Amino acid sequence: MTKFRPCIDLHEGKVKQIVGGSLSESGAKTNFVSQHDATFYASLYQSLALSGGHIISLGPNNQHEVEAALKCYPKGLQYGGGVTLGNATWYLEAGADKVIVTSFLFEKGELSWSRLSDISSEVGAHNLVIDLSCRRSSDGWMVSTDRWQTTTRTPINLETIEQLQPYCSEFLVHSADIEGLQSGIDEELVNLLGDSVSIPTTYAGGATSIDDLKIVQDLSHGKVDLTIGSALDIFGGSGVSLDECVQWNKQVRHSN
């Protein structure tokens, strides 16, 4: 059954909701800047028993917030943002439930199977989430790295997913073209993921209301979870409340 997964996005030391496709070294188009720090949200999620969410560092100057949030909610959040072979274990020891990796896996636009094998062996597949955040192209969805600005030559399809699954325990997929736009989820991508994955997978991008959880559940046969960001009331949105999401998850638990 599809679950709601919470998130904390950090940019320049602040909890923000941004338009994903606008992110670059010079900044980003921002939907929301919180007056609260990352520990506020980590504590909130812990108090509501919301697990399996992620904290993402979008660029530099976020390390203090990351460390504080992981310490606040140990083993309650997955961490992504600049994860490499050299620091992955450190983030796990600092309190991350799992580490999320993307850019480290690619060299000159190509997936490095040796890097993937090395980091999976270092932390264990059970501790690794592969981020397949992507952009749509004429050839389908292609994995995007470097804050979603570099489109690789790795497609998101059944073959890629089947090859990657032995190395990790989850996938995280941001649809970068619509991340932060509240324009509706990418239903074709969610459908593809539902037909392809056999491990827990979280989709993010474009969610506008609580109804999107039902849409993702139907399209993915309950195999894909959903993160809601900019539309959520705790991030300045008006489309859906955190309480609605908590109630949805309670219904999911009761039905299992």
Protein backbone atom coordinates (compact mmCIF):
# COMPACT_ATOMS: atom_id res chain seq x y z
CA MET A 1 0.00 0.00 0.00
CA THR A 2 1.21 3.49 -0.86
CA LYS A 3 2.40 5.54 2.13
CA PHE A 4 3.15 9.22 2.63
CA ARG A 5 6.85 9.84 3.20
CA PRO A 6 8.00 13.11 4.82
CA CYS A 7 10.94 15.22 3.70
CA ILE A 8 13.30 17.97 4.81
CA ASP A 9 14.99 19.86 1.97
CA LEU A 10 17.94 22.06 2.94
CA HIS A 11 19.33 24.85 0.80
CA GLU A 12 21.91 27.37 2.03
CA GLY A 13 21.35 26.28 5.63
CA LYS A 14 17.58 26.77 5.56
CA VAL A 15 14.64 24.40 5.25
CA LYS A 16 13.13 25.29 1.88
CA GLN A 17 10.83 24.13 -0.85
CA ILE A 18 12.27 24.98 -4.25
CA VAL A 19 11.44 24.49 -7.90
CA GLY A 20 13.73 21.55 -8.62
CA GLY A 21 14.53 22.42 -12.21
CA SER A 22 15.74 25.89 -11.19
CA LEU A 23 18.48 24.67 -8.85
CA SER A 24 22.00 25.76 -9.83
CA GLU A 25 25.21 26.98 -8.24
CA SER A 26 23.85 30.55 -8.31
CA GLY A 27 20.67 29.71 -6.39
CA ALA A 28 17.15 28.46 -7.00
CA LYS A 29 13.58 29.64 -7.41
CA THR A 30 12.08 29.23 -3.96
CA ASN A 31 8.49 28.46 -3.01
CA PHE A 32 8.99 28.53 0.75
CA VAL A 33 11.63 29.33 3.36
CA SER A 34 10.86 28.04 6.85
CA GLN A 35 11.30 30.02 10.04
CA HIS A 36 12.05 26.67 11.69
CA ASP A 37 15.26 24.69 11.53
CA ALA A 38 15.67 21.08 10.46
CA THR A 39 15.40 19.74 14.00
CA PHE A 40 11.89 21.18 14.28
CA TYR A 41 10.74 19.01 11.39
CA ALA A 42 12.74 15.98 12.53
CA SER A 43 11.15 16.21 15.98
CA LEU A 44 7.70 16.70 14.43
CA TYR A 45 8.05 13.61 12.24
CA GLN A 46 9.31 11.57 15.17
CA SER A 47 6.37 12.63 17.36
CA LEU A 48 3.96 11.54 14.61
CA ALA A 49 5.76 8.23 14.00
CA LEU A 50 6.50 9.23 10.40
CA SER A 51 9.44 7.13 9.30
CA GLY A 52 11.18 6.44 6.00
CA GLY A 53 11.41 10.09 5.07
CA HIS A 54 14.46 11.82 3.72
CA ILE A 55 16.60 14.84 4.49
CA ILE A 56 18.35 16.20 1.41
CA SER A 57 21.20 18.70 1.31
CA LEU A 58 20.89 20.76 -1.87
CA GLY A 59 24.36 22.22 -2.17
CA PRO A 60 26.78 23.53 0.50
CA ASN A 61 26.35 25.13 3.94
CA ASN A 62 23.86 22.60 5.27
CA GLN A 63 26.05 20.27 7.31
CA HIS A 64 25.19 21.71 10.74
CA GLU A 65 21.47 21.34 10.06
CA VAL A 66 21.92 17.82 8.72
CA GLU A 67 23.86 16.64 11.75
CA ALA A 68 21.40 18.21 14.19
CA ALA A 69 18.38 16.64 12.48
CA LEU A 70 19.94 13.17 12.33
CA LYS A 71 20.85 13.41 16.01
CA CYS A 72 17.31 14.59 16.84
CA TYR A 73 15.61 11.68 15.06
CA PRO A 74 18.18 8.85 14.96
CA LYS A 75 17.39 6.15 12.40
CA GLY A 76 14.26 8.04 11.42
CA LEU A 77 15.49 9.80 8.28
CA GLN A 78 17.40 8.79 5.19
CA TYR A 79 20.15 11.23 4.17
CA GLY A 80 21.15 12.35 0.70
CA GLY A 81 23.37 15.07 -0.72
CA GLY A 82 27.04 14.62 -1.56
CA VAL A 83 27.15 11.03 -0.29
CA THR A 84 30.29 9.21 -1.44
CA LEU A 85 32.25 6.09 -0.61
CA GLY A 86 34.33 8.18 1.78
CA ASN A 87 31.52 9.58 3.92
CA ALA A 88 28.57 7.18 3.60
CA THR A 89 29.41 5.23 6.74
CA TRP A 90 29.89 8.47 8.68
CA TYR A 91 26.31 9.58 7.92
CA LEU A 92 24.98 6.22 9.07
CA GLU A 93 26.93 6.50 12.30
CA ALA A 94 25.63 10.08 12.70
CA GLY A 95 22.07 8.77 12.78
CA ALA A 96 20.86 8.33 9.20
CA ASP A 97 18.59 5.34 8.71
CA LYS A 98 19.99 4.89 5.19
CA VAL A 99 22.14 6.92 2.82
CA ILE A 100 20.91 8.13 -0.56
CA VAL A 101 23.39 8.26 -3.41
CA THR A 102 23.23 9.66 -6.94
CA SER A 103 26.03 11.79 -8.38
CA PHE A 104 28.83 9.66 -6.91
CA LEU A 105 27.64 6.73 -9.04
CA PHE A 106 28.28 8.54 -12.32
CA GLU A 107 31.44 9.40 -14.22
CA LYS A 108 31.19 11.51 -17.38
CA GLY A 109 27.50 10.78 -17.68
CA GLU A 110 27.88 7.04 -17.39
CA LEU A 111 26.88 4.83 -14.48
CA SER A 112 29.97 3.44 -12.78
CA TRP A 113 29.27 -0.13 -11.78
CA SER A 114 32.53 -0.28 -9.84
CA ARG A 115 31.54 2.73 -7.74
CA LEU A 116 28.10 1.26 -7.16
CA SER A 117 29.58 -2.06 -6.12
CA ASP A 118 32.08 -0.37 -3.81
CA ILE A 119 29.59 1.79 -1.92
CA SER A 120 27.05 -1.03 -1.69
CA SER A 121 29.71 -3.30 -0.22
CA GLU A 122 30.92 -0.57 2.14
CA VAL A 123 27.56 0.18 3.79
CA GLY A 124 25.55 -2.89 2.82
CA ALA A 125 22.71 -2.92 0.31
CA HIS A 126 20.24 -2.74 3.21
CA ASN A 127 21.60 0.71 4.09
CA LEU A 128 21.66 2.14 0.56
CA VAL A 129 19.03 4.08 -1.37
CA ILE A 130 19.71 4.82 -5.04
CA ASP A 131 18.31 8.15 -6.17
CA LEU A 132 16.97 7.86 -9.72
CA SER A 133 15.83 11.47 -9.94
CA CYS A 134 15.25 12.22 -13.57
CA ARG A 135 14.26 14.47 -16.43
CA ARG A 136 12.07 13.55 -19.35
CA SER A 137 13.71 13.44 -22.79
CA SER A 138 12.80 12.24 -26.25
CA ASP A 139 14.18 8.87 -25.19
CA GLY A 140 12.12 8.67 -21.98
CA TRP A 141 13.24 9.51 -18.45
CA MET A 142 16.98 9.89 -17.94
CA VAL A 143 18.69 9.99 -14.53
CA SER A 144 19.85 13.51 -13.61
CA THR A 145 22.74 14.30 -11.27
CA ASP A 146 24.59 17.33 -9.88
CA ARG A 147 21.54 19.00 -8.34
CA TRP A 148 19.46 17.74 -11.30
CA GLN A 149 21.44 19.88 -13.77
CA THR A 150 23.33 17.07 -15.55
CA THR A 151 21.30 14.60 -17.57
CA THR A 152 23.08 11.27 -17.80
CA ARG A 153 22.76 8.55 -20.41
CA THR A 154 21.11 6.16 -17.95
CA PRO A 155 17.42 5.61 -18.67
CA ILE A 156 14.80 4.73 -16.10
CA ASN A 157 13.29 1.53 -17.41
CA LEU A 158 12.73 -2.06 -16.39
CA GLU A 159 16.24 -3.14 -17.41
CA THR A 160 17.99 -0.42 -15.40
CA ILE A 161 15.86 -1.02 -12.34
CA GLU A 162 16.40 -4.78 -12.41
CA GLN A 163 20.16 -4.26 -12.70
CA LEU A 164 20.31 -1.82 -9.80
CA GLN A 165 18.01 -3.54 -7.30
CA PRO A 166 20.56 -6.06 -5.96
CA TYR A 167 22.81 -3.20 -4.84
CA CYS A 168 20.28 -1.29 -2.71
CA SER A 169 17.19 -1.61 -0.56
CA GLU A 170 15.18 1.33 -1.92
CA PHE A 171 14.83 3.81 -4.76
CA LEU A 172 14.04 7.51 -4.50
CA VAL A 173 12.77 9.19 -7.66
CA HIS A 174 12.31 12.95 -7.96
CA SER A 175 10.69 14.07 -11.19
CA ALA A 176 12.97 17.10 -11.53
CA ASP A 177 11.00 18.77 -14.33
CA ILE A 178 7.95 19.22 -12.10
CA GLU A 179 9.51 19.20 -8.61
CA GLY A 180 8.03 22.14 -6.69
CA LEU A 181 5.56 23.18 -9.38
CA GLN A 182 2.44 21.61 -7.79
CA SER A 183 1.31 20.80 -11.32
CA GLY A 184 0.27 17.21 -10.69
CA ILE A 185 2.35 14.07 -10.47
CA ASP A 186 3.96 12.44 -13.50
CA GLU A 187 1.46 9.61 -13.84
CA GLU A 188 3.37 7.86 -16.64
CA LEU A 189 6.53 7.72 -14.54
CA VAL A 190 4.67 6.44 -11.48
CA ASN A 191 3.04 3.78 -13.63
CA LEU A 192 6.43 2.73 -15.02
CA LEU A 193 7.88 2.47 -11.53
CA GLY A 194 4.94 0.41 -10.32
CA ASP A 195 5.41 -2.02 -13.20
CA SER A 196 9.18 -2.29 -12.67
CA VAL A 197 10.21 -2.17 -9.01
CA SER A 198 10.22 -4.98 -6.50
CA ILE A 199 11.80 -3.01 -3.61
CA PRO A 200 10.40 0.00 -1.70
CA THR A 201 10.34 3.10 -3.90
CA THR A 202 9.41 6.71 -3.19
CA TYR A 203 8.28 9.18 -5.85
CA ALA A 204 8.40 12.97 -5.42
CA GLY A 205 7.31 15.77 -7.71
CA GLY A 206 4.17 17.74 -8.51
CA ALA A 207 1.86 16.48 -5.75
CA THR A 208 -1.02 18.86 -5.07
CA SER A 209 -3.50 17.16 -2.74
CA ILE A 210 -4.23 14.15 -0.56
CA ASP A 211 -5.90 12.60 -3.61
CA ASP A 212 -2.46 12.11 -5.14
CA LEU A 213 -1.76 9.36 -2.61
CA LYS A 214 -4.73 7.42 -3.99
CA ILE A 215 -3.62 8.10 -7.56
CA VAL A 216 -0.10 6.83 -6.86
CA GLN A 217 -1.51 3.78 -5.10
CA ASP A 218 -3.72 2.93 -8.07
CA LEU A 219 -1.07 3.59 -10.73
CA SER A 220 1.71 1.71 -8.94
CA HIS A 221 -0.43 -1.10 -7.51
CA GLY A 222 0.55 0.17 -4.06
CA LYS A 223 4.27 -0.41 -4.70
CA VAL A 224 5.35 3.25 -4.75
CA ASP A 225 5.20 5.73 -1.86
CA LEU A 226 4.74 9.49 -2.25
CA THR A 227 6.52 12.52 -0.85
CA ILE A 228 4.54 15.77 -0.76
CA GLY A 229 6.51 18.99 -0.40
CA SER A 230 5.41 22.43 -1.59
CA ALA A 231 1.67 21.65 -1.37
CA LEU A 232 1.95 20.65 2.31
CA ASP A 233 0.72 23.08 4.96
CA ILE A 234 3.88 22.82 7.06
CA PHE A 235 5.80 24.14 4.04
CA GLY A 236 3.44 27.00 3.31
CA GLY A 237 1.17 25.04 0.99
CA SER A 238 -2.61 24.93 0.93
CA GLY A 239 -3.29 21.74 -0.98
CA VAL A 240 -2.88 19.17 1.78
CA SER A 241 -2.31 19.10 5.53
CA LEU A 242 0.22 17.00 7.37
CA ASP A 243 -2.62 15.68 9.51
CA GLU A 244 -4.34 14.29 6.39
CA CYS A 245 -1.14 12.48 5.48
CA VAL A 246 -0.78 11.06 8.98
CA GLN A 247 -4.36 9.80 8.86
CA TRP A 248 -3.72 8.21 5.46
CA ASN A 249 -0.73 6.31 6.86
CA LYS A 250 -2.79 5.12 9.81
CA GLN A 251 -5.37 3.71 7.41
CA VAL A 252 -2.60 1.96 5.49
CA ARG A 253 -1.27 0.35 8.68
CA HIS A 254 -4.71 -0.81 9.70
CA SER A 255 -5.36 -2.36 6.28
CA ASN A 256 -2.12 -4.37 6.26
